[in-house]
PDB file of N, CA and C in Angstrom:
ATOM      1  N   ILE A   1      59.906  60.777 174.023  1.00  0.00           N
ATOM      2  CA  ILE A   1      59.595  62.013 174.712  1.00  0.00           C
ATOM      3  C   ILE A   1      60.113  63.194 173.882  1.00  0.00           C
ATOM      4  N   ILE A   2      61.295  63.029 173.292  1.00  0.00           N
ATOM      5  CA  ILE A   2      61.858  64.097 172.465  1.00  0.00           C
ATOM      6  C   ILE A   2      60.990  64.337 171.236  1.00  0.00           C
ATOM      7  N   LEU A   3      60.535  63.254 170.604  1.00  0.00           N
ATOM      8  CA  LEU A   3      59.658  63.387 169.444  1.00  0.00           C
ATOM      9  C   LEU A   3      58.380  64.140 169.821  1.00  0.00           C
ATOM     10  N   TYR A   4      57.805  63.799 170.952  1.00  0.00           N
ATOM     11  CA  TYR A   4      56.589  64.472 171.392  1.00  0.00           C
ATOM     12  C   TYR A   4      56.848  65.954 171.671  1.00  0.00           C
ATOM     13  N   ALA A   5      57.987  66.261 172.266  1.00  0.00           N
ATOM     14  CA  ALA A   5      58.317  67.657 172.563  1.00  0.00           C
ATOM     15  C   ALA A   5      58.492  68.468 171.276  1.00  0.00           C
ATOM     16  N   VAL A   6      59.133  67.876 170.279  1.00  0.00           N
ATOM     17  CA  VAL A   6      59.309  68.571 169.001  1.00  0.00           C
ATOM     18  C   VAL A   6      57.957  68.799 168.332  1.00  0.00           C
ATOM     19  N   LEU A   7      57.119  67.783 168.337  1.00  0.00           N
ATOM     20  CA  LEU A   7      55.796  67.928 167.727  1.00  0.00           C
ATOM     21  C   LEU A   7      54.946  68.950 168.471  1.00  0.00           C
ATOM     22  N   GLU A   8      55.086  69.007 169.771  1.00  0.00           N
ATOM     23  CA  GLU A   8      54.359  70.005 170.566  1.00  0.00           C
ATOM     24  C   GLU A   8      54.817  71.415 170.189  1.00  0.00           C
ATOM     25  N   ASN A   9      56.105  71.558 169.935  1.00  0.00           N
ATOM     26  CA  ASN A   9      56.646  72.858 169.543  1.00  0.00           C
ATOM     27  C   ASN A   9      56.032  73.337 168.224  1.00  0.00           C
ATOM     28  N   PHE A  10      55.788  72.414 167.308  1.00  0.00           N
ATOM     29  CA  PHE A  10      55.183  72.759 166.017  1.00  0.00           C
ATOM     30  C   PHE A  10      53.661  72.636 166.037  1.00  0.00           C
ATOM     31  N   GLN A  11      53.091  72.378 167.205  1.00  0.00           N
ATOM     32  CA  GLN A  11      51.651  72.204 167.394  1.00  0.00           C
ATOM     33  C   GLN A  11      51.091  71.107 166.487  1.00  0.00           C
ATOM     34  N   LYS A  12      51.810  69.996 166.434  1.00  0.00           N
ATOM     35  CA  LYS A  12      51.400  68.823 165.650  1.00  0.00           C
ATOM     36  C   LYS A  12      51.386  67.576 166.537  1.00  0.00           C
ATOM     37  N   ARG A  13      50.844  67.715 167.753  1.00  0.00           N
ATOM     38  CA  ARG A  13      50.822  66.593 168.686  1.00  0.00           C
ATOM     39  C   ARG A  13      50.104  65.388 168.126  1.00  0.00           C
ATOM     40  N   TRP A  14      49.145  65.603 167.251  1.00  0.00           N
ATOM     41  CA  TRP A  14      48.358  64.492 166.709  1.00  0.00           C
ATOM     42  C   TRP A  14      49.219  63.542 165.880  1.00  0.00           C
ATOM     43  N   LEU A  15      50.410  63.947 165.487  1.00  0.00           N
ATOM     44  CA  LEU A  15      51.299  63.071 164.731  1.00  0.00           C
ATOM     45  C   LEU A  15      52.150  62.166 165.631  1.00  0.00           C
ATOM     46  N   ALA A  16      52.036  62.325 166.946  1.00  0.00           N
ATOM     47  CA  ALA A  16      52.898  61.574 167.860  1.00  0.00           C
ATOM     48  C   ALA A  16      52.694  60.061 167.734  1.00  0.00           C
ATOM     49  N   VAL A  17      51.467  59.603 167.711  1.00  0.00           N
ATOM     50  CA  VAL A  17      51.221  58.157 167.659  1.00  0.00           C
ATOM     51  C   VAL A  17      51.637  57.567 166.308  1.00  0.00           C
ATOM     52  N   PRO A  18      51.215  58.133 165.160  1.00  0.00           N
ATOM     53  CA  PRO A  18      51.655  57.539 163.889  1.00  0.00           C
ATOM     54  C   PRO A  18      53.178  57.560 163.709  1.00  0.00           C
ATOM     55  N   LEU A  19      53.821  58.663 164.080  1.00  0.00           N
ATOM     56  CA  LEU A  19      55.277  58.729 163.928  1.00  0.00           C
ATOM     57  C   LEU A  19      55.985  57.787 164.886  1.00  0.00           C
ATOM     58  N   SER A  20      55.449  57.617 166.084  1.00  0.00           N
ATOM     59  CA  SER A  20      56.033  56.667 167.036  1.00  0.00           C
ATOM     60  C   SER A  20      55.911  55.236 166.518  1.00  0.00           C
ATOM     61  N   CYS A  21      54.789  54.927 165.898  1.00  0.00           N
ATOM     62  CA  CYS A  21      54.609  53.591 165.310  1.00  0.00           C
ATOM     63  C   CYS A  21      55.605  53.352 164.180  1.00  0.00           C
ATOM     64  N   LEU A  22      55.767  54.339 163.324  1.00  0.00           N
ATOM     65  CA  LEU A  22      56.724  54.208 162.230  1.00  0.00           C
ATOM     66  C   LEU A  22      58.159  54.112 162.750  1.00  0.00           C
ATOM     67  N   LEU A  23      58.482  54.925 163.734  1.00  0.00           N
ATOM     68  CA  LEU A  23      59.810  54.902 164.317  1.00  0.00           C
ATOM     69  C   LEU A  23      60.093  53.554 164.993  1.00  0.00           C
ATOM     70  N   GLY A  24      59.118  53.062 165.756  1.00  0.00           N
ATOM     71  CA  GLY A  24      59.287  51.766 166.419  1.00  0.00           C
ATOM     72  C   GLY A  24      59.419  50.619 165.434  1.00  0.00           C
ATOM     73  N   GLY A  25      58.602  50.631 164.387  1.00  0.00           N
ATOM     74  CA  GLY A  25      58.695  49.597 163.351  1.00  0.00           C
ATOM     75  C   GLY A  25      60.009  49.664 162.610  1.00  0.00           C
ATOM     76  N   GLY A  26      60.462  50.886 162.308  1.00  0.00           N
ATOM     77  CA  GLY A  26      61.738  51.043 161.613  1.00  0.00           C
ATOM     78  C   GLY A  26      62.912  50.556 162.443  1.00  0.00           C
ATOM     79  N   VAL A  27      62.912  50.878 163.736  1.00  0.00           N
ATOM     80  CA  VAL A  27      63.985  50.422 164.617  1.00  0.00           C
ATOM     81  C   VAL A  27      63.967  48.900 164.740  1.00  0.00           C
ATOM     82  N   ALA A  28      62.781  48.317 164.895  1.00  0.00           N
ATOM     83  CA  ALA A  28      62.678  46.860 165.003  1.00  0.00           C
ATOM     84  C   ALA A  28      63.160  46.188 163.723  1.00  0.00           C
ATOM     85  N   PHE A  29      62.781  46.731 162.576  1.00  0.00           N
ATOM     86  CA  PHE A  29      63.214  46.160 161.297  1.00  0.00           C
ATOM     87  C   PHE A  29      64.727  46.298 161.133  1.00  0.00           C
ATOM     88  N   ALA A  30      65.270  47.457 161.518  1.00  0.00           N
ATOM     89  CA  ALA A  30      66.718  47.678 161.406  1.00  0.00           C
ATOM     90  C   ALA A  30      67.502  46.741 162.317  1.00  0.00           C
ATOM     91  N   MET A  31      66.896  46.350 163.446  1.00  0.00           N
ATOM     92  CA  MET A  31      67.588  45.462 164.373  1.00  0.00           C
ATOM     93  C   MET A  31      67.347  43.985 164.073  1.00  0.00           C
ATOM     94  N   GLY A  32      66.629  43.707 162.978  1.00  0.00           N
ATOM     95  CA  GLY A  32      66.474  42.325 162.535  1.00  0.00           C
ATOM     96  C   GLY A  32      65.249  41.596 163.029  1.00  0.00           C
ATOM     97  N   ALA A  33      64.205  42.309 163.418  1.00  0.00           N
ATOM     98  CA  ALA A  33      62.979  41.636 163.867  1.00  0.00           C
ATOM     99  C   ALA A  33      62.329  40.915 162.686  1.00  0.00           C
ATOM    100  N   PRO A  34      61.945  39.657 162.865  1.00  0.00           N
ATOM    101  CA  PRO A  34      61.299  38.944 161.764  1.00  0.00           C
ATOM    102  C   PRO A  34      59.845  39.388 161.606  1.00  0.00           C
ATOM    103  N   PHE A  35      59.487  39.812 160.419  1.00  0.00           N
ATOM    104  CA  PHE A  35      58.114  40.218 160.159  1.00  0.00           C
ATOM    105  C   PHE A  35      57.379  39.111 159.408  1.00  0.00           C
ATOM    106  N   ALA A  36      57.452  37.904 159.917  1.00  0.00           N
ATOM    107  CA  ALA A  36      56.779  36.759 159.316  1.00  0.00           C
ATOM    108  C   ALA A  36      55.709  36.267 160.296  1.00  0.00           C
ATOM    109  N   PHE A  37      54.474  36.329 159.861  1.00  0.00           N
ATOM    110  CA  PHE A  37      53.375  35.863 160.696  1.00  0.00           C
ATOM    111  C   PHE A  37      52.874  34.553 160.118  1.00  0.00           C
ATOM    112  N   GLU A  38      53.037  33.487 160.866  1.00  0.00           N
ATOM    113  CA  GLU A  38      52.620  32.166 160.405  1.00  0.00           C
ATOM    114  C   GLU A  38      51.599  31.610 161.382  1.00  0.00           C
ATOM    115  N   THR A  39      50.359  31.963 161.197  1.00  0.00           N
ATOM    116  CA  THR A  39      49.304  31.479 162.075  1.00  0.00           C
ATOM    117  C   THR A  39      48.233  30.791 161.251  1.00  0.00           C
ATOM    118  N   GLY A  40      47.636  29.809 161.839  1.00  0.00           N
ATOM    119  CA  GLY A  40      46.557  29.109 161.182  1.00  0.00           C
ATOM    120  C   GLY A  40      45.218  29.729 161.538  1.00  0.00           C
ATOM    121  N   PRO A  41      44.168  29.329 160.858  1.00  0.00           N
ATOM    122  CA  PRO A  41      42.845  29.871 161.188  1.00  0.00           C
ATOM    123  C   PRO A  41      42.360  29.348 162.529  1.00  0.00           C
ATOM    124  N   GLY A  42      41.488  30.120 163.159  1.00  0.00           N
ATOM    125  CA  GLY A  42      40.912  29.704 164.434  1.00  0.00           C
ATOM    126  C   GLY A  42      41.297  30.621 165.562  1.00  0.00           C
ATOM    127  N   LEU A  43      40.811  30.295 166.749  1.00  0.00           N
ATOM    128  CA  LEU A  43      41.087  31.097 167.935  1.00  0.00           C
ATOM    129  C   LEU A  43      42.477  30.787 168.485  1.00  0.00           C
ATOM    130  N   PRO A  44      43.145  31.786 169.032  1.00  0.00           N
ATOM    131  CA  PRO A  44      44.450  31.522 169.647  1.00  0.00           C
ATOM    132  C   PRO A  44      44.281  30.818 170.987  1.00  0.00           C
ATOM    133  N   ASN A  45      45.365  30.325 171.502  1.00  0.00           N
ATOM    134  CA  ASN A  45      45.361  29.697 172.819  1.00  0.00           C
ATOM    135  C   ASN A  45      45.023  30.771 173.849  1.00  0.00           C
ATOM    136  N   MET A  46      44.010  30.530 174.671  1.00  0.00           N
ATOM    137  CA  MET A  46      43.534  31.542 175.619  1.00  0.00           C
ATOM    138  C   MET A  46      44.172  31.433 177.003  1.00  0.00           C
ATOM    139  N   SER A  47      45.089  30.517 177.179  1.00  0.00           N
ATOM    140  CA  SER A  47      45.714  30.327 178.489  1.00  0.00           C
ATOM    141  C   SER A  47      46.841  31.336 178.698  1.00  0.00           C
ATOM    142  N   PRO A  48      46.769  32.149 179.772  1.00  0.00           N
ATOM    143  CA  PRO A  48      47.874  33.079 180.044  1.00  0.00           C
ATOM    144  C   PRO A  48      49.191  32.358 180.302  1.00  0.00           C
ATOM    145  N   MET A  49      49.147  31.159 180.844  1.00  0.00           N
ATOM    146  CA  MET A  49      50.369  30.405 181.106  1.00  0.00           C
ATOM    147  C   MET A  49      51.063  30.018 179.806  1.00  0.00           C
ATOM    148  N   TYR A  50      50.285  29.853 178.726  1.00  0.00           N
ATOM    149  CA  TYR A  50      50.895  29.573 177.420  1.00  0.00           C
ATOM    150  C   TYR A  50      51.649  30.803 176.925  1.00  0.00           C
ATOM    151  N   TRP A  51      51.005  31.962 176.988  1.00  0.00           N
ATOM    152  CA  TRP A  51      51.605  33.179 176.430  1.00  0.00           C
ATOM    153  C   TRP A  51      52.780  33.680 177.243  1.00  0.00           C
ATOM    154  N   TRP A  52      52.767  33.482 178.564  1.00  0.00           N
ATOM    155  CA  TRP A  52      53.864  33.969 179.400  1.00  0.00           C
ATOM    156  C   TRP A  52      54.851  32.872 179.755  1.00  0.00           C
ATOM    157  N   GLY A  53      54.737  31.705 179.111  1.00  0.00           N
ATOM    158  CA  GLY A  53      55.636  30.591 179.421  1.00  0.00           C
ATOM    159  C   GLY A  53      57.063  30.844 178.975  1.00  0.00           C
ATOM    160  N   GLU A  54      57.983  30.093 179.545  1.00  0.00           N
ATOM    161  CA  GLU A  54      59.402  30.242 179.201  1.00  0.00           C
ATOM    162  C   GLU A  54      59.717  29.695 177.807  1.00  0.00           C
ATOM    163  N   ASP A  55      58.954  28.692 177.355  1.00  0.00           N
ATOM    164  CA  ASP A  55      59.262  28.077 176.059  1.00  0.00           C
ATOM    165  C   ASP A  55      58.045  28.016 175.131  1.00  0.00           C
ATOM    166  N   THR A  56      56.997  28.780 175.414  1.00  0.00           N
ATOM    167  CA  THR A  56      55.816  28.839 174.558  1.00  0.00           C
ATOM    168  C   THR A  56      55.390  30.289 174.392  1.00  0.00           C
ATOM    169  N   GLY A  57      54.512  30.545 173.466  1.00  0.00           N
ATOM    170  CA  GLY A  57      53.961  31.886 173.288  1.00  0.00           C
ATOM    171  C   GLY A  57      55.032  32.915 172.997  1.00  0.00           C
ATOM    172  N   TRP A  58      55.037  33.995 173.772  1.00  0.00           N
ATOM    173  CA  TRP A  58      56.020  35.067 173.584  1.00  0.00           C
ATOM    174  C   TRP A  58      57.385  34.701 174.145  1.00  0.00           C
ATOM    175  N   MET A  59      57.448  33.628 174.938  1.00  0.00           N
ATOM    176  CA  MET A  59      58.678  33.141 175.566  1.00  0.00           C
ATOM    177  C   MET A  59      59.354  34.215 176.413  1.00  0.00           C
ATOM    178  N   LEU A  60      58.571  34.980 177.136  1.00  0.00           N
ATOM    179  CA  LEU A  60      59.115  36.029 177.984  1.00  0.00           C
ATOM    180  C   LEU A  60      59.200  35.625 179.442  1.00  0.00           C
ATOM    181  N   GLY A  61      58.444  34.645 179.831  1.00  0.00           N
ATOM    182  CA  GLY A  61      58.371  34.308 181.245  1.00  0.00           C
ATOM    183  C   GLY A  61      57.474  35.294 181.966  1.00  0.00           C
ATOM    184  N   LEU A  62      57.141  35.006 183.203  1.00  0.00           N
ATOM    185  CA  LEU A  62      56.298  35.910 183.971  1.00  0.00           C
ATOM    186  C   LEU A  62      57.045  37.213 184.248  1.00  0.00           C
ATOM    187  N   PRO A  63      56.329  38.347 184.276  1.00  0.00           N
ATOM    188  CA  PRO A  63      56.995  39.628 184.489  1.00  0.00           C
ATOM    189  C   PRO A  63      57.693  39.714 185.843  1.00  0.00           C
ATOM    190  N   THR A  64      58.816  40.425 185.859  1.00  0.00           N
ATOM    191  CA  THR A  64      59.560  40.677 187.093  1.00  0.00           C
ATOM    192  C   THR A  64      59.647  42.187 187.305  1.00  0.00           C
ATOM    193  N   VAL A  65      60.322  42.595 188.344  1.00  0.00           N
ATOM    194  CA  VAL A  65      60.492  44.023 188.616  1.00  0.00           C
ATOM    195  C   VAL A  65      61.225  44.691 187.452  1.00  0.00           C
ATOM    196  N   GLU A  66      62.207  43.999 186.888  1.00  0.00           N
ATOM    197  CA  GLU A  66      62.958  44.552 185.759  1.00  0.00           C
ATOM    198  C   GLU A  66      62.050  44.828 184.567  1.00  0.00           C
ATOM    199  N   SER A  67      61.037  43.987 184.376  1.00  0.00           N
ATOM    200  CA  SER A  67      60.095  44.181 183.265  1.00  0.00           C
ATOM    201  C   SER A  67      59.357  45.509 183.400  1.00  0.00           C
ATOM    202  N   PHE A  68      59.009  45.870 184.625  1.00  0.00           N
ATOM    203  CA  PHE A  68      58.302  47.123 184.843  1.00  0.00           C
ATOM    204  C   PHE A  68      59.233  48.322 184.719  1.00  0.00           C
ATOM    205  N   ILE A  69      60.499  48.160 185.113  1.00  0.00           N
ATOM    206  CA  ILE A  69      61.462  49.249 184.988  1.00  0.00           C
ATOM    207  C   ILE A  69      61.737  49.551 183.515  1.00  0.00           C
ATOM    208  N   VAL A  70      61.774  48.523 182.687  1.00  0.00           N
ATOM    209  CA  VAL A  70      62.039  48.700 181.257  1.00  0.00           C
ATOM    210  C   VAL A  70      60.960  49.539 180.595  1.00  0.00           C
ATOM    211  N   VAL A  71      59.706  49.362 180.973  1.00  0.00           N
ATOM    212  CA  VAL A  71      58.616  50.094 180.319  1.00  0.00           C
ATOM    213  C   VAL A  71      58.325  51.434 180.970  1.00  0.00           C
ATOM    214  N   LEU A  72      59.070  51.795 182.012  1.00  0.00           N
ATOM    215  CA  LEU A  72      58.842  53.056 182.701  1.00  0.00           C
ATOM    216  C   LEU A  72      58.937  54.276 181.781  1.00  0.00           C
ATOM    217  N   PRO A  73      59.911  54.367 180.861  1.00  0.00           N
ATOM    218  CA  PRO A  73      59.940  55.543 179.968  1.00  0.00           C
ATOM    219  C   PRO A  73      58.678  55.681 179.121  1.00  0.00           C
ATOM    220  N   PHE A  74      58.109  54.569 178.691  1.00  0.00           N
ATOM    221  CA  PHE A  74      56.893  54.630 177.883  1.00  0.00           C
ATOM    222  C   PHE A  74      55.703  55.068 178.726  1.00  0.00           C
ATOM    223  N   ALA A  75      55.690  54.681 179.996  1.00  0.00           N
ATOM    224  CA  ALA A  75      54.625  55.136 180.895  1.00  0.00           C
ATOM    225  C   ALA A  75      54.734  56.640 181.127  1.00  0.00           C
ATOM    226  N   VAL A  76      55.964  57.140 181.266  1.00  0.00           N
ATOM    227  CA  VAL A  76      56.175  58.569 181.434  1.00  0.00           C
ATOM    228  C   VAL A  76      55.700  59.315 180.185  1.00  0.00           C
ATOM    229  N   LEU A  77      56.005  58.772 179.007  1.00  0.00           N
ATOM    230  CA  LEU A  77      55.555  59.395 177.756  1.00  0.00           C
ATOM    231  C   LEU A  77      54.028  59.429 177.698  1.00  0.00           C
ATOM    232  N   ALA A  78      53.387  58.340 178.096  1.00  0.00           N
ATOM    233  CA  ALA A  78      51.917  58.306 178.071  1.00  0.00           C
ATOM    234  C   ALA A  78      51.328  59.352 179.007  1.00  0.00           C
ATOM    235  N   VAL A  79      51.928  59.535 180.167  1.00  0.00           N
ATOM    236  CA  VAL A  79      51.434  60.553 181.099  1.00  0.00           C
ATOM    237  C   VAL A  79      51.696  61.942 180.546  1.00  0.00           C
ATOM    238  N   ALA A  80      52.841  62.145 179.904  1.00  0.00           N
ATOM    239  CA  ALA A  80      53.169  63.450 179.328  1.00  0.00           C
ATOM    240  C   ALA A  80      52.219  63.804 178.195  1.00  0.00           C
ATOM    241  N   MET A  81      51.798  62.794 177.462  1.00  0.00           N
ATOM    242  CA  MET A  81      50.879  63.071 176.350  1.00  0.00           C
ATOM    243  C   MET A  81      49.503  63.397 176.847  1.00  0.00           C
TER     244      MET A  81
END
């Protein structure tokens, strides 16, 4: 939100998405996110239960109330933009 406000002040709102992507990637890399993609050719598994499983896919489990609270700041940013 602060980045968007600064860009709005300089009338450069169009830079919000690219700079947010760079900022997010930089933070993830700094925190040790692995940038190794090891996928084979073909279609991915289309089952939602695979992707939201506790020990498969993203290994996040089904969303809970806390999951929605965590993304609330990003929803506010999207509405502000």
